[in-house]
Amino acid sequence: MKTYNAALQAQLDAYLSEQSGLPQSKAAAMIGVSPTALIQYRNSKYPGDVEAVESKIEEFLRTRSAAAQASVSSTSLNMMKAAIS
């Protein structure tokens, strides 16, 4: 029986729920897996290399988190500049 990282599955589900306008097929392409593989992974039924898929998902979530933090930092900086002006 394959072992799935339940915490990672929950993180992915939360991200996809927050990004309600992001189709799962587009998310799969961004992650680097097929839409079918993503669906199977989310349902703990992926027949392939689970570790490889999880590695791609981890990188995707890490990249998205870094981009979100950079966006927040940029927005905060712009607000501070505006307040000073």
PDB file of N, CA and C in Angstrom:
ATOM      1  N   MET A   1       0.840  -1.187   0.000  1.00  0.00           N
ATOM      2  CA  MET A   1       0.000   0.000   0.000  1.00  0.00           C
ATOM      3  C   MET A   1       0.888   1.254   0.000  1.00  0.00           C
ATOM      4  N   LYS A   2       0.512   2.201  -0.806  1.00  0.00           N
ATOM      5  CA  LYS A   2       1.292   3.439  -0.908  1.00  0.00           C
ATOM      6  C   LYS A   2       0.990   4.353   0.265  1.00  0.00           C
ATOM      7  N   THR A   3       2.002   5.109   0.664  1.00  0.00           N
ATOM      8  CA  THR A   3       1.846   6.054   1.750  1.00  0.00           C
ATOM      9  C   THR A   3       1.744   7.461   1.174  1.00  0.00           C
ATOM     10  N   TYR A   4       0.722   8.163   1.580  1.00  0.00           N
ATOM     11  CA  TYR A   4       0.497   9.531   1.128  1.00  0.00           C
ATOM     12  C   TYR A   4       0.755  10.483   2.284  1.00  0.00           C
ATOM     13  N   ASN A   5       1.260  11.653   1.965  1.00  0.00           N
ATOM     14  CA  ASN A   5       1.504  12.694   2.954  1.00  0.00           C
ATOM     15  C   ASN A   5       0.188  13.443   3.157  1.00  0.00           C
ATOM     16  N   ALA A   6      -0.537  13.069   4.200  1.00  0.00           N
ATOM     17  CA  ALA A   6      -1.864  13.647   4.449  1.00  0.00           C
ATOM     18  C   ALA A   6      -1.796  15.154   4.669  1.00  0.00           C
ATOM     19  N   ALA A   7      -0.733  15.622   5.317  1.00  0.00           N
ATOM     20  CA  ALA A   7      -0.591  17.064   5.556  1.00  0.00           C
ATOM     21  C   ALA A   7      -0.415  17.800   4.230  1.00  0.00           C
ATOM     22  N   LEU A   8       0.353  17.215   3.319  1.00  0.00           N
ATOM     23  CA  LEU A   8       0.555  17.828   2.012  1.00  0.00           C
ATOM     24  C   LEU A   8      -0.741  17.821   1.204  1.00  0.00           C
ATOM     25  N   GLN A   9      -1.477  16.724   1.281  1.00  0.00           N
ATOM     26  CA  GLN A   9      -2.773  16.660   0.601  1.00  0.00           C
ATOM     27  C   GLN A   9      -3.699  17.756   1.135  1.00  0.00           C
ATOM     28  N   ALA A  10      -3.696  17.963   2.442  1.00  0.00           N
ATOM     29  CA  ALA A  10      -4.536  18.999   3.049  1.00  0.00           C
ATOM     30  C   ALA A  10      -4.087  20.389   2.602  1.00  0.00           C
ATOM     31  N   GLN A  11      -2.772  20.618   2.535  1.00  0.00           N
ATOM     32  CA  GLN A  11      -2.253  21.912   2.066  1.00  0.00           C
ATOM     33  C   GLN A  11      -2.680  22.176   0.631  1.00  0.00           C
ATOM     34  N   LEU A  12      -2.570  21.153  -0.203  1.00  0.00           N
ATOM     35  CA  LEU A  12      -2.955  21.289  -1.602  1.00  0.00           C
ATOM     36  C   LEU A  12      -4.449  21.569  -1.716  1.00  0.00           C
ATOM     37  N   ASP A  13      -5.251  20.823  -0.976  1.00  0.00           N
ATOM     38  CA  ASP A  13      -6.702  21.042  -0.996  1.00  0.00           C
ATOM     39  C   ASP A  13      -7.049  22.458  -0.549  1.00  0.00           C
ATOM     40  N   ALA A  14      -6.381  22.931   0.497  1.00  0.00           N
ATOM     41  CA  ALA A  14      -6.635  24.288   0.993  1.00  0.00           C
ATOM     42  C   ALA A  14      -6.245  25.319  -0.061  1.00  0.00           C
ATOM     43  N   TYR A  15      -5.098  25.133  -0.699  1.00  0.00           N
ATOM     44  CA  TYR A  15      -4.658  26.073  -1.734  1.00  0.00           C
ATOM     45  C   TYR A  15      -5.658  26.101  -2.878  1.00  0.00           C
ATOM     46  N   LEU A  16      -6.063  24.928  -3.345  1.00  0.00           N
ATOM     47  CA  LEU A  16      -6.996  24.872  -4.464  1.00  0.00           C
ATOM     48  C   LEU A  16      -8.366  25.440  -4.085  1.00  0.00           C
ATOM     49  N   SER A  17      -8.767  25.295  -2.839  1.00  0.00           N
ATOM     50  CA  SER A  17     -10.035  25.883  -2.370  1.00  0.00           C
ATOM     51  C   SER A  17      -9.946  27.402  -2.333  1.00  0.00           C
ATOM     52  N   GLU A  18      -8.797  27.926  -1.882  1.00  0.00           N
ATOM     53  CA  GLU A  18      -8.592  29.380  -1.812  1.00  0.00           C
ATOM     54  C   GLU A  18      -8.563  29.989  -3.206  1.00  0.00           C
ATOM     55  N   GLN A  19      -8.026  29.250  -4.163  1.00  0.00           N
ATOM     56  CA  GLN A  19      -7.908  29.717  -5.538  1.00  0.00           C
ATOM     57  C   GLN A  19      -9.099  29.195  -6.347  1.00  0.00           C
ATOM     58  N   SER A  20     -10.288  29.581  -5.948  1.00  0.00           N
ATOM     59  CA  SER A  20     -11.499  29.021  -6.545  1.00  0.00           C
ATOM     60  C   SER A  20     -11.596  29.253  -8.048  1.00  0.00           C
ATOM     61  N   GLY A  21     -10.897  30.252  -8.570  1.00  0.00           N
ATOM     62  CA  GLY A  21     -10.935  30.504  -9.997  1.00  0.00           C
ATOM     63  C   GLY A  21      -9.919  29.683 -10.777  1.00  0.00           C
ATOM     64  N   LEU A  22      -9.125  28.884 -10.081  1.00  0.00           N
ATOM     65  CA  LEU A  22      -8.072  28.098 -10.721  1.00  0.00           C
ATOM     66  C   LEU A  22      -8.592  26.691 -11.020  1.00  0.00           C
ATOM     67  N   PRO A  23      -8.812  26.382 -12.300  1.00  0.00           N
ATOM     68  CA  PRO A  23      -9.270  25.028 -12.632  1.00  0.00           C
ATOM     69  C   PRO A  23      -8.219  23.992 -12.246  1.00  0.00           C
ATOM     70  N   GLN A  24      -8.678  22.834 -11.827  1.00  0.00           N
ATOM     71  CA  GLN A  24      -7.757  21.779 -11.412  1.00  0.00           C
ATOM     72  C   GLN A  24      -6.830  21.386 -12.565  1.00  0.00           C
ATOM     73  N   SER A  25      -7.324  21.453 -13.797  1.00  0.00           N
ATOM     74  CA  SER A  25      -6.484  21.100 -14.943  1.00  0.00           C
ATOM     75  C   SER A  25      -5.325  22.091 -15.091  1.00  0.00           C
ATOM     76  N   LYS A  26      -5.581  23.366 -14.821  1.00  0.00           N
ATOM     77  CA  LYS A  26      -4.519  24.371 -14.891  1.00  0.00           C
ATOM     78  C   LYS A  26      -3.540  24.187 -13.734  1.00  0.00           C
ATOM     79  N   ALA A  27      -4.065  23.897 -12.555  1.00  0.00           N
ATOM     80  CA  ALA A  27      -3.194  23.643 -11.405  1.00  0.00           C
ATOM     81  C   ALA A  27      -2.286  22.455 -11.689  1.00  0.00           C
ATOM     82  N   ALA A  28      -2.835  21.409 -12.291  1.00  0.00           N
ATOM     83  CA  ALA A  28      -2.041  20.220 -12.619  1.00  0.00           C
ATOM     84  C   ALA A  28      -0.897  20.597 -13.562  1.00  0.00           C
ATOM     85  N   ALA A  29      -1.205  21.402 -14.572  1.00  0.00           N
ATOM     86  CA  ALA A  29      -0.171  21.829 -15.512  1.00  0.00           C
ATOM     87  C   ALA A  29       0.897  22.654 -14.805  1.00  0.00           C
ATOM     88  N   MET A  30       0.486  23.511 -13.890  1.00  0.00           N
ATOM     89  CA  MET A  30       1.436  24.341 -13.151  1.00  0.00           C
ATOM     90  C   MET A  30       2.319  23.482 -12.249  1.00  0.00           C
ATOM     91  N   ILE A  31       1.750  22.417 -11.715  1.00  0.00           N
ATOM     92  CA  ILE A  31       2.500  21.499 -10.840  1.00  0.00           C
ATOM     93  C   ILE A  31       3.439  20.627 -11.665  1.00  0.00           C
ATOM     94  N   GLY A  32       3.005  20.285 -12.876  1.00  0.00           N
ATOM     95  CA  GLY A  32       3.822  19.434 -13.730  1.00  0.00           C
ATOM     96  C   GLY A  32       3.355  17.998 -13.783  1.00  0.00           C
ATOM     97  N   VAL A  33       2.063  17.793 -13.515  1.00  0.00           N
ATOM     98  CA  VAL A  33       1.471  16.457 -13.593  1.00  0.00           C
ATOM     99  C   VAL A  33       0.211  16.547 -14.450  1.00  0.00           C
ATOM    100  N   SER A  34      -0.313  15.409 -14.840  1.00  0.00           N
ATOM    101  CA  SER A  34      -1.546  15.403 -15.621  1.00  0.00           C
ATOM    102  C   SER A  34      -2.735  15.664 -14.701  1.00  0.00           C
ATOM    103  N   PRO A  35      -3.835  16.177 -15.250  1.00  0.00           N
ATOM    104  CA  PRO A  35      -5.028  16.371 -14.424  1.00  0.00           C
ATOM    105  C   PRO A  35      -5.488  15.068 -13.761  1.00  0.00           C
ATOM    106  N   THR A  36      -5.393  13.970 -14.501  1.00  0.00           N
ATOM    107  CA  THR A  36      -5.787  12.670 -13.943  1.00  0.00           C
ATOM    108  C   THR A  36      -4.904  12.301 -12.760  1.00  0.00           C
ATOM    109  N   ALA A  37      -3.596  12.514 -12.899  1.00  0.00           N
ATOM    110  CA  ALA A  37      -2.675  12.198 -11.803  1.00  0.00           C
ATOM    111  C   ALA A  37      -3.001  13.034 -10.572  1.00  0.00           C
ATOM    112  N   LEU A  38      -3.338  14.305 -10.776  1.00  0.00           N
ATOM    113  CA  LEU A  38      -3.652  15.174  -9.639  1.00  0.00           C
ATOM    114  C   LEU A  38      -4.920  14.703  -8.934  1.00  0.00           C
ATOM    115  N   ILE A  39      -5.936  14.368  -9.707  1.00  0.00           N
ATOM    116  CA  ILE A  39      -7.189  13.870  -9.121  1.00  0.00           C
ATOM    117  C   ILE A  39      -6.933  12.578  -8.349  1.00  0.00           C
ATOM    118  N   GLN A  40      -6.187  11.667  -8.972  1.00  0.00           N
ATOM    119  CA  GLN A  40      -5.887  10.400  -8.299  1.00  0.00           C
ATOM    120  C   GLN A  40      -5.082  10.635  -7.032  1.00  0.00           C
ATOM    121  N   TYR A  41      -4.121  11.533  -7.081  1.00  0.00           N
ATOM    122  CA  TYR A  41      -3.325  11.826  -5.894  1.00  0.00           C
ATOM    123  C   TYR A  41      -4.208  12.378  -4.779  1.00  0.00           C
ATOM    124  N   ARG A  42      -5.066  13.342  -5.127  1.00  0.00           N
ATOM    125  CA  ARG A  42      -5.932  13.952  -4.116  1.00  0.00           C
ATOM    126  C   ARG A  42      -6.871  12.930  -3.476  1.00  0.00           C
ATOM    127  N   ASN A  43      -7.198  11.869  -4.233  1.00  0.00           N
ATOM    128  CA  ASN A  43      -8.080  10.814  -3.719  1.00  0.00           C
ATOM    129  C   ASN A  43      -7.309   9.611  -3.173  1.00  0.00           C
ATOM    130  N   SER A  44      -5.989   9.766  -3.019  1.00  0.00           N
ATOM    131  CA  SER A  44      -5.102   8.693  -2.521  1.00  0.00           C
ATOM    132  C   SER A  44      -5.213   7.426  -3.362  1.00  0.00           C
ATOM    133  N   LYS A  45      -5.326   7.599  -4.675  1.00  0.00           N
ATOM    134  CA  LYS A  45      -5.452   6.446  -5.572  1.00  0.00           C
ATOM    135  C   LYS A  45      -4.461   6.509  -6.732  1.00  0.00           C
ATOM    136  N   TYR A  46      -3.414   7.309  -6.605  1.00  0.00           N
ATOM    137  CA  TYR A  46      -2.450   7.454  -7.691  1.00  0.00           C
ATOM    138  C   TYR A  46      -1.617   6.179  -7.794  1.00  0.00           C
ATOM    139  N   PRO A  47      -1.596   5.543  -8.981  1.00  0.00           N
ATOM    140  CA  PRO A  47      -0.875   4.272  -9.114  1.00  0.00           C
ATOM    141  C   PRO A  47       0.624   4.424  -9.387  1.00  0.00           C
ATOM    142  N   GLY A  48       1.065   5.636  -9.628  1.00  0.00           N
ATOM    143  CA  GLY A  48       2.473   5.860  -9.979  1.00  0.00           C
ATOM    144  C   GLY A  48       3.346   6.164  -8.774  1.00  0.00           C
ATOM    145  N   ASP A  49       4.392   6.913  -9.034  1.00  0.00           N
ATOM    146  CA  ASP A  49       5.389   7.271  -8.029  1.00  0.00           C
ATOM    147  C   ASP A  49       4.857   8.435  -7.183  1.00  0.00           C
ATOM    148  N   VAL A  50       4.295   8.105  -6.042  1.00  0.00           N
ATOM    149  CA  VAL A  50       3.686   9.103  -5.157  1.00  0.00           C
ATOM    150  C   VAL A  50       4.723  10.111  -4.687  1.00  0.00           C
ATOM    151  N   GLU A  51       5.921   9.651  -4.366  1.00  0.00           N
ATOM    152  CA  GLU A  51       6.963  10.559  -3.881  1.00  0.00           C
ATOM    153  C   GLU A  51       7.322  11.606  -4.931  1.00  0.00           C
ATOM    154  N   ALA A  52       7.359  11.210  -6.191  1.00  0.00           N
ATOM    155  CA  ALA A  52       7.680  12.161  -7.260  1.00  0.00           C
ATOM    156  C   ALA A  52       6.592  13.221  -7.394  1.00  0.00           C
ATOM    157  N   VAL A  53       5.344  12.798  -7.310  1.00  0.00           N
ATOM    158  CA  VAL A  53       4.228  13.750  -7.391  1.00  0.00           C
ATOM    159  C   VAL A  53       4.263  14.681  -6.187  1.00  0.00           C
ATOM    160  N   GLU A  54       4.495  14.121  -5.011  1.00  0.00           N
ATOM    161  CA  GLU A  54       4.552  14.959  -3.809  1.00  0.00           C
ATOM    162  C   GLU A  54       5.695  15.960  -3.885  1.00  0.00           C
ATOM    163  N   SER A  55       6.798  15.574  -4.446  1.00  0.00           N
ATOM    164  CA  SER A  55       7.924  16.497  -4.607  1.00  0.00           C
ATOM    165  C   SER A  55       7.524  17.678  -5.490  1.00  0.00           C
ATOM    166  N   LYS A  56       6.821  17.407  -6.564  1.00  0.00           N
ATOM    167  CA  LYS A  56       6.360  18.473  -7.462  1.00  0.00           C
ATOM    168  C   LYS A  56       5.333  19.366  -6.766  1.00  0.00           C
ATOM    169  N   ILE A  57       4.449  18.773  -5.995  1.00  0.00           N
ATOM    170  CA  ILE A  57       3.435  19.552  -5.275  1.00  0.00           C
ATOM    171  C   ILE A  57       4.107  20.436  -4.227  1.00  0.00           C
ATOM    172  N   GLU A  58       5.070  19.882  -3.499  1.00  0.00           N
ATOM    173  CA  GLU A  58       5.783  20.669  -2.486  1.00  0.00           C
ATOM    174  C   GLU A  58       6.464  21.876  -3.121  1.00  0.00           C
ATOM    175  N   GLU A  59       7.127  21.664  -4.255  1.00  0.00           N
ATOM    176  CA  GLU A  59       7.807  22.763  -4.946  1.00  0.00           C
ATOM    177  C   GLU A  59       6.792  23.804  -5.416  1.00  0.00           C
ATOM    178  N   PHE A  60       5.686  23.352  -5.957  1.00  0.00           N
ATOM    179  CA  PHE A  60       4.624  24.252  -6.409  1.00  0.00           C
ATOM    180  C   PHE A  60       4.105  25.102  -5.248  1.00  0.00           C
ATOM    181  N   LEU A  61       3.791  24.476  -4.126  1.00  0.00           N
ATOM    182  CA  LEU A  61       3.259  25.215  -2.975  1.00  0.00           C
ATOM    183  C   LEU A  61       4.309  26.159  -2.391  1.00  0.00           C
ATOM    184  N   ARG A  62       5.560  25.723  -2.374  1.00  0.00           N
ATOM    185  CA  ARG A  62       6.641  26.573  -1.869  1.00  0.00           C
ATOM    186  C   ARG A  62       6.785  27.815  -2.765  1.00  0.00           C
ATOM    187  N   THR A  63       6.748  27.614  -4.071  1.00  0.00           N
ATOM    188  CA  THR A  63       6.856  28.727  -5.019  1.00  0.00           C
ATOM    189  C   THR A  63       5.687  29.689  -4.872  1.00  0.00           C
ATOM    190  N   ARG A  64       4.494  29.155  -4.733  1.00  0.00           N
ATOM    191  CA  ARG A  64       3.298  29.991  -4.586  1.00  0.00           C
ATOM    192  C   ARG A  64       3.346  30.776  -3.278  1.00  0.00           C
ATOM    193  N   SER A  65       3.819  30.141  -2.230  1.00  0.00           N
ATOM    194  CA  SER A  65       3.918  30.806  -0.931  1.00  0.00           C
ATOM    195  C   SER A  65       4.922  31.946  -0.994  1.00  0.00           C
ATOM    196  N   ALA A  66       6.060  31.702  -1.633  1.00  0.00           N
ATOM    197  CA  ALA A  66       7.089  32.742  -1.760  1.00  0.00           C
ATOM    198  C   ALA A  66       6.566  33.905  -2.592  1.00  0.00           C
ATOM    199  N   ALA A  67       5.835  33.608  -3.658  1.00  0.00           N
ATOM    200  CA  ALA A  67       5.268  34.663  -4.510  1.00  0.00           C
ATOM    201  C   ALA A  67       4.233  35.480  -3.739  1.00  0.00           C
ATOM    202  N   ALA A  68       3.427  34.811  -2.943  1.00  0.00           N
ATOM    203  CA  ALA A  68       2.411  35.517  -2.153  1.00  0.00           C
ATOM    204  C   ALA A  68       3.073  36.423  -1.115  1.00  0.00           C
ATOM    205  N   GLN A  69       4.134  35.937  -0.477  1.00  0.00           N
ATOM    206  CA  GLN A  69       4.832  36.744   0.518  1.00  0.00           C
ATOM    207  C   GLN A  69       5.491  37.951  -0.132  1.00  0.00           C
ATOM    208  N   ALA A  70       6.059  37.760  -1.316  1.00  0.00           N
ATOM    209  CA  ALA A  70       6.691  38.868  -2.031  1.00  0.00           C
ATOM    210  C   ALA A  70       5.649  39.913  -2.407  1.00  0.00           C
ATOM    211  N   SER A  71       4.473  39.465  -2.793  1.00  0.00           N
ATOM    212  CA  SER A  71       3.395  40.383  -3.164  1.00  0.00           C
ATOM    213  C   SER A  71       2.940  41.190  -1.957  1.00  0.00           C
ATOM    214  N   VAL A  72       2.800  40.527  -0.813  1.00  0.00           N
ATOM    215  CA  VAL A  72       2.393  41.212   0.417  1.00  0.00           C
ATOM    216  C   VAL A  72       3.457  42.216   0.821  1.00  0.00           C
ATOM    217  N   SER A  73       4.731  41.819   0.727  1.00  0.00           N
ATOM    218  CA  SER A  73       5.818  42.730   1.088  1.00  0.00           C
ATOM    219  C   SER A  73       5.836  43.948   0.184  1.00  0.00           C
ATOM    220  N   SER A  74       5.625  43.737  -1.101  1.00  0.00           N
ATOM    221  CA  SER A  74       5.606  44.839  -2.066  1.00  0.00           C
ATOM    222  C   SER A  74       4.441  45.782  -1.782  1.00  0.00           C
ATOM    223  N   THR A  75       3.276  45.221  -1.491  1.00  0.00           N
ATOM    224  CA  THR A  75       2.101  46.034  -1.177  1.00  0.00           C
ATOM    225  C   THR A  75       2.335  46.841   0.089  1.00  0.00           C
ATOM    226  N   SER A  76       2.901  46.210   1.111  1.00  0.00           N
ATOM    227  CA  SER A  76       3.183  46.906   2.366  1.00  0.00           C
ATOM    228  C   SER A  76       4.172  48.040   2.142  1.00  0.00           C
ATOM    229  N   LEU A  77       5.197  47.795   1.345  1.00  0.00           N
ATOM    230  CA  LEU A  77       6.199  48.809   1.051  1.00  0.00           C
ATOM    231  C   LEU A  77       5.553  49.990   0.326  1.00  0.00           C
ATOM    232  N   ASN A  78       4.710  49.696  -0.646  1.00  0.00           N
ATOM    233  CA  ASN A  78       4.035  50.770  -1.378  1.00  0.00           C
ATOM    234  C   ASN A  78       3.120  51.581  -0.464  1.00  0.00           C
ATOM    235  N   MET A  79       2.465  50.924   0.486  1.00  0.00           N
ATOM    236  CA  MET A  79       1.588  51.628   1.419  1.00  0.00           C
ATOM    237  C   MET A  79       2.422  52.529   2.330  1.00  0.00           C
ATOM    238  N   MET A  80       3.568  52.048   2.764  1.00  0.00           N
ATOM    239  CA  MET A  80       4.426  52.864   3.610  1.00  0.00           C
ATOM    240  C   MET A  80       4.957  54.072   2.850  1.00  0.00           C
ATOM    241  N   LYS A  81       5.347  53.862   1.599  1.00  0.00           N
ATOM    242  CA  LYS A  81       5.820  54.986   0.769  1.00  0.00           C
ATOM    243  C   LYS A  81       4.722  56.021   0.602  1.00  0.00           C
ATOM    244  N   ALA A  82       3.499  55.568   0.366  1.00  0.00           N
ATOM    245  CA  ALA A  82       2.377  56.477   0.176  1.00  0.00           C
ATOM    246  C   ALA A  82       2.088  57.247   1.458  1.00  0.00           C
ATOM    247  N   ALA A  83       2.221  56.584   2.602  1.00  0.00           N
ATOM    248  CA  ALA A  83       1.955  57.246   3.872  1.00  0.00           C
ATOM    249  C   ALA A  83       2.999  58.317   4.181  1.00  0.00           C
ATOM    250  N   ILE A  84       4.220  58.089   3.753  1.00  0.00           N
ATOM    251  CA  ILE A  84       5.306  59.015   4.012  1.00  0.00           C
ATOM    252  C   ILE A  84       5.196  60.241   3.106  1.00  0.00           C
ATOM    253  N   SER A  85       4.709  60.014   1.892  1.00  0.00           N
ATOM    254  CA  SER A  85       4.638  61.125   0.903  1.00  0.00           C
ATOM    255  C   SER A  85       3.649  62.176   1.286  1.00  0.00           C
TER     256      SER A  85
END
